[in-house]
C-alpha cells in the first residue's frame, strides 16, 4: 500500500470512527476477509470524498443514499450510510424522502427493497417508523399559517414578506430567508422537535 493510500485510509478510519460508535471495529469486521478492499474503500469515501468542501455533509450523504438505493444495495452500504447520514445531520424523515425520490428514477422494486430494510434498521436504532415529518415540512407549514401565539416579531416579518426560501441545515434546524420585492428582509432560524417548532430566532436586514 502506497504512503498516500495509507494516509487516506488512516484519515478515513478516523472520520468514520467520529461518525459511528465503534466504527473502527465495524470496519475491521466488514473487511476481515479482504482488508485491502477496506483500505481503498474507506480511504476513498471517508478519507478523500468526505473532506471535499464542495458539498456539505448532509447533501453528500443524501446523494450517497440515493445512489445506494439506485444500485439496489440493501446490505451493509445502506446500514452504514443510514448511520453516517444521521450522524452528518440528516433527519430520519429526510432519509425516507430520499428513498421516495429515488423510486421515480431507480424504480419502485429497488426503493421498496430499501424501505423493507429501513424498517429493520430504524427499529434497531430505536427510531420511530414512520418518522416524523421533516423539519423543513414543519417549518414551511408554520410560515404559511403561523400560530396565533407566535412571537410578534416573527409574525410581523412573515406578514410583510412576499416569499420565503427554507433550507434545512441540520436534523432539527431550518433557516428561512424572507424576501419582499426580491430583496432580503430578514432571516428566521427555526429549531424543531418532532412535529413542533420550539424556537425561532429573528434576524432583520439592516436598514
Protein backbone atom coordinates (compact mmCIF):
# COMPACT_ATOMS: atom_id res chain seq x y z
CA UNK A 1 0.00 0.00 0.00
CA UNK A 2 1.45 3.36 -1.02
CA UNK A 3 2.04 6.08 1.55
CA UNK A 4 -0.78 8.19 0.04
CA UNK A 5 -3.32 5.35 0.22
CA UNK A 6 -2.21 4.58 3.77
CA UNK A 7 -2.64 8.24 4.74
CA UNK A 8 -6.14 8.38 3.22
CA UNK A 9 -7.11 5.12 4.92
CA UNK A 10 -5.99 6.33 8.35
CA UNK A 11 -7.82 9.63 7.85
CA UNK A 12 -10.92 7.79 6.62
CA UNK A 13 -10.94 5.43 9.59
CA UNK A 14 -10.65 8.37 11.98
CA UNK A 15 -13.53 10.20 10.25
CA UNK A 16 -15.70 7.08 10.27
CA UNK A 17 -14.99 6.48 13.95
CA UNK A 18 -16.21 10.03 14.71
CA UNK A 19 -19.48 9.35 12.88
CA UNK A 20 -20.26 5.80 14.02
CA UNK A 21 -19.85 4.42 17.52
CA UNK A 22 -17.40 1.52 17.42
CA UNK A 23 -16.65 2.48 13.82
CA UNK A 24 -13.13 1.07 13.57
CA UNK A 25 -14.21 -2.31 14.93
CA UNK A 26 -17.11 -2.35 12.49
CA UNK A 27 -14.73 -1.68 9.59
CA UNK A 28 -12.37 -4.43 10.73
CA UNK A 29 -15.25 -6.91 10.86
CA UNK A 30 -16.69 -5.83 7.50
CA UNK A 31 -13.39 -6.13 5.63
CA UNK A 32 -11.90 -9.01 7.63
CA UNK A 33 -11.52 -11.24 4.57
CA UNK A 34 -10.26 -8.52 2.19
CA UNK A 35 -8.55 -5.80 4.26
CA UNK A 36 -7.06 -4.19 1.15
CA UNK A 37 -10.59 -3.51 -0.11
CA UNK A 38 -11.35 -1.75 3.16
CA UNK A 39 -8.21 0.35 2.85
CA UNK A 40 -9.20 1.50 -0.63
CA UNK A 41 -12.92 1.97 0.10
CA UNK A 42 -12.52 3.74 3.42
CA UNK A 43 -9.67 5.90 2.15
CA UNK A 44 -11.68 6.97 -0.89
CA UNK A 45 -15.10 7.52 0.72
CA UNK A 46 -14.21 8.78 4.19
CA UNK A 47 -10.65 9.95 3.63
CA UNK A 48 -10.98 11.81 0.32
CA UNK A 49 -14.63 12.41 -0.63
CA UNK A 50 -15.81 13.07 2.94
CA UNK A 51 -13.44 16.02 3.26
CA UNK A 52 -14.06 17.68 -0.09
CA UNK A 53 -15.52 21.17 0.53
CA UNK A 54 -17.84 21.30 -2.48
CA UNK A 55 -20.80 19.66 -0.67
CA UNK A 56 -21.84 19.87 2.95
CA UNK A 57 -22.01 16.52 4.79
CA UNK A 58 -25.83 16.38 4.70
CA UNK A 59 -26.05 16.74 0.91
CA UNK A 60 -23.16 14.33 0.37
CA UNK A 61 -24.84 11.64 2.50
CA UNK A 62 -28.24 12.23 0.85
CA UNK A 63 -26.62 11.77 -2.58
CA UNK A 64 -24.87 8.63 -1.34
CA UNK A 65 -28.11 7.14 -0.01
CA UNK A 66 -29.85 7.86 -3.32
CA UNK A 67 -27.05 6.10 -5.21
CA UNK A 68 -27.23 3.13 -2.82
CA UNK A 69 -30.97 2.77 -3.42
CA UNK A 70 -30.49 3.12 -7.19
CA UNK A 71 -27.87 0.38 -7.16
CA UNK A 72 -30.11 -1.96 -5.15
CA UNK A 73 -27.62 -2.22 -2.27
CA UNK A 74 -29.74 -3.04 0.77
CA UNK A 75 -26.98 -4.73 2.76
CA UNK A 76 -24.04 -3.10 4.58
CA UNK A 77 -23.90 0.06 2.40
CA UNK A 78 -27.45 1.05 3.36
CA UNK A 79 -26.89 0.21 7.01
CA UNK A 80 -23.59 2.10 7.17
CA UNK A 81 -24.82 5.19 5.38
CA UNK A 82 -28.01 5.39 7.40
CA UNK A 83 -25.73 5.73 10.43
CA UNK A 84 -23.33 8.19 8.82
CA UNK A 85 -26.23 10.11 7.27
CA UNK A 86 -27.90 10.61 10.64
CA UNK A 87 -24.54 11.49 12.21
CA UNK A 88 -23.96 14.05 9.43
CA UNK A 89 -27.20 15.83 10.21
CA UNK A 90 -29.92 14.16 8.14
CA UNK A 91 -33.28 13.81 9.89
CA UNK A 92 -34.90 10.34 9.70
CA UNK A 93 -37.74 11.83 7.64
CA UNK A 94 -35.22 13.16 5.15
CA UNK A 95 -33.78 9.66 4.71
CA UNK A 96 -37.23 8.33 3.80
CA UNK A 97 -37.77 11.26 1.41
CA UNK A 98 -34.52 10.30 -0.36
CA UNK A 99 -35.84 6.77 -0.84
CA UNK A 100 -39.15 8.11 -2.13
CA UNK A 101 -37.38 10.43 -4.58
CA UNK A 102 -35.16 7.58 -5.75
CA UNK A 103 -38.19 5.45 -6.60
CA UNK A 104 -39.11 7.71 -9.52
CA UNK A 105 -35.69 7.32 -11.13
CA UNK A 106 -34.31 3.99 -9.90
CA UNK A 107 -37.58 2.06 -9.94
CA UNK A 108 -40.07 1.03 -7.30
CA UNK A 109 -38.67 -2.50 -6.69
CA UNK A 110 -35.34 -1.09 -5.50
CA UNK A 111 -36.99 1.60 -3.41
CA UNK A 112 -39.33 -0.98 -1.85
CA UNK A 113 -36.37 -3.23 -1.03
CA UNK A 114 -34.63 -0.29 0.65
CA UNK A 115 -37.81 0.56 2.57
CA UNK A 116 -38.09 -3.03 3.81
CA UNK A 117 -34.53 -2.91 5.10
CA UNK A 118 -35.07 0.52 6.67
CA UNK A 119 -37.96 -0.95 8.67
CA UNK A 120 -35.42 -3.15 10.44
CA UNK A 121 -32.67 -0.53 10.61
CA UNK A 122 -34.98 2.08 12.12
CA UNK A 123 -36.21 -0.43 14.70
CA UNK A 124 -32.64 -1.43 15.60
CA UNK A 125 -31.70 2.24 16.03
CA UNK A 126 -34.77 2.97 18.19
CA UNK A 127 -36.18 5.38 15.61
CA UNK A 128 -39.88 5.95 15.06
CA UNK A 129 -41.34 4.31 11.99
CA UNK A 130 -42.64 6.08 10.07
CA UNK A 131 -40.56 9.04 11.21
CA UNK A 132 -41.93 12.49 11.93
CA UNK A 133 -42.27 14.90 9.05
CA UNK A 134 -39.03 16.56 8.03
CA UNK A 135 -38.12 19.76 9.88
CA UNK A 136 -38.47 21.67 6.59
CA UNK A 137 -42.07 20.48 6.19
CA UNK A 138 -42.93 21.55 9.72
CA UNK A 139 -41.36 24.98 9.23
CA UNK A 140 -42.99 25.64 5.85
CA UNK A 141 -46.39 24.87 7.40
CA UNK A 142 -45.58 27.30 10.20
CA UNK A 143 -44.64 30.01 7.68
CA UNK A 144 -47.84 29.56 5.66
CA UNK A 145 -50.09 29.57 8.74
CA UNK A 146 -48.22 30.91 11.78
CA UNK A 147 -49.84 30.04 15.11
CA UNK A 148 -51.51 32.90 16.92
CA UNK A 149 -49.15 32.58 19.87
CA UNK A 150 -46.03 33.05 17.72
CA UNK A 151 -43.68 35.84 18.75
CA UNK A 152 -44.83 39.25 17.43
CA UNK A 153 -41.57 39.94 15.56
CA UNK A 154 -41.85 36.56 13.83
CA UNK A 155 -45.45 37.24 12.82
CA UNK A 156 -44.55 40.73 11.63
CA UNK A 157 -41.78 39.51 9.36
CA UNK A 158 -43.84 36.67 7.86
CA UNK A 159 -46.74 39.06 7.24
CA UNK A 160 -44.56 41.58 5.42
CA UNK A 161 -42.73 39.29 3.00
CA UNK A 162 -43.85 38.05 -0.39
CA UNK A 163 -41.94 34.77 -0.40
CA UNK A 164 -39.68 32.60 1.74
CA UNK A 165 -36.88 30.16 0.98
CA UNK A 166 -36.41 27.37 3.52
CA UNK A 167 -33.21 25.34 3.86
CA UNK A 168 -32.68 22.59 6.43
CA UNK A 169 -29.25 22.96 8.00
CA UNK A 170 -29.38 20.05 10.43
CA UNK A 171 -31.66 17.37 11.86
CA UNK A 172 -33.57 19.99 13.88
CA UNK A 173 -32.65 23.32 12.26
CA UNK A 174 -34.16 25.20 9.32
CA UNK A 175 -33.05 28.57 8.00
CA UNK A 176 -35.76 30.66 6.30
CA UNK A 177 -34.85 33.63 4.14
CA UNK A 178 -37.70 36.15 3.93
CA UNK A 179 -37.98 38.26 0.78
CA UNK A 180 -40.08 41.29 -0.05
CA UNK A 181 -39.95 42.68 -3.59
CA UNK A 182 -36.96 40.40 -4.33
CA UNK A 183 -34.92 41.97 -1.53
CA UNK A 184 -33.96 40.07 1.59
CA UNK A 185 -35.93 41.50 4.51
CA UNK A 186 -34.74 39.12 7.20
CA UNK A 187 -33.88 35.59 8.25
CA UNK A 188 -35.63 33.22 10.63
CA UNK A 189 -33.78 30.31 12.22
CA UNK A 190 -36.11 27.58 13.47
CA UNK A 191 -35.45 24.73 15.87
CA UNK A 192 -37.82 21.79 15.53
CA UNK A 193 -38.53 18.89 17.86
CA UNK A 194 -40.62 16.17 16.25
CA UNK A 195 -43.63 17.92 14.72
CA UNK A 196 -43.24 21.14 16.70
CA UNK A 197 -41.40 24.41 16.28
CA UNK A 198 -39.82 25.05 19.67
CA UNK A 199 -37.66 28.09 18.97
CA UNK A 200 -37.42 30.86 16.36
CA UNK A 201 -34.62 33.42 16.14
CA UNK A 202 -35.25 36.57 14.07
CA UNK A 203 -32.55 38.47 12.18
CA UNK A 204 -33.70 41.62 10.38
CA UNK A 205 -31.94 43.05 7.36
CA UNK A 206 -30.23 46.27 8.41
CA UNK A 207 -31.83 49.44 7.01
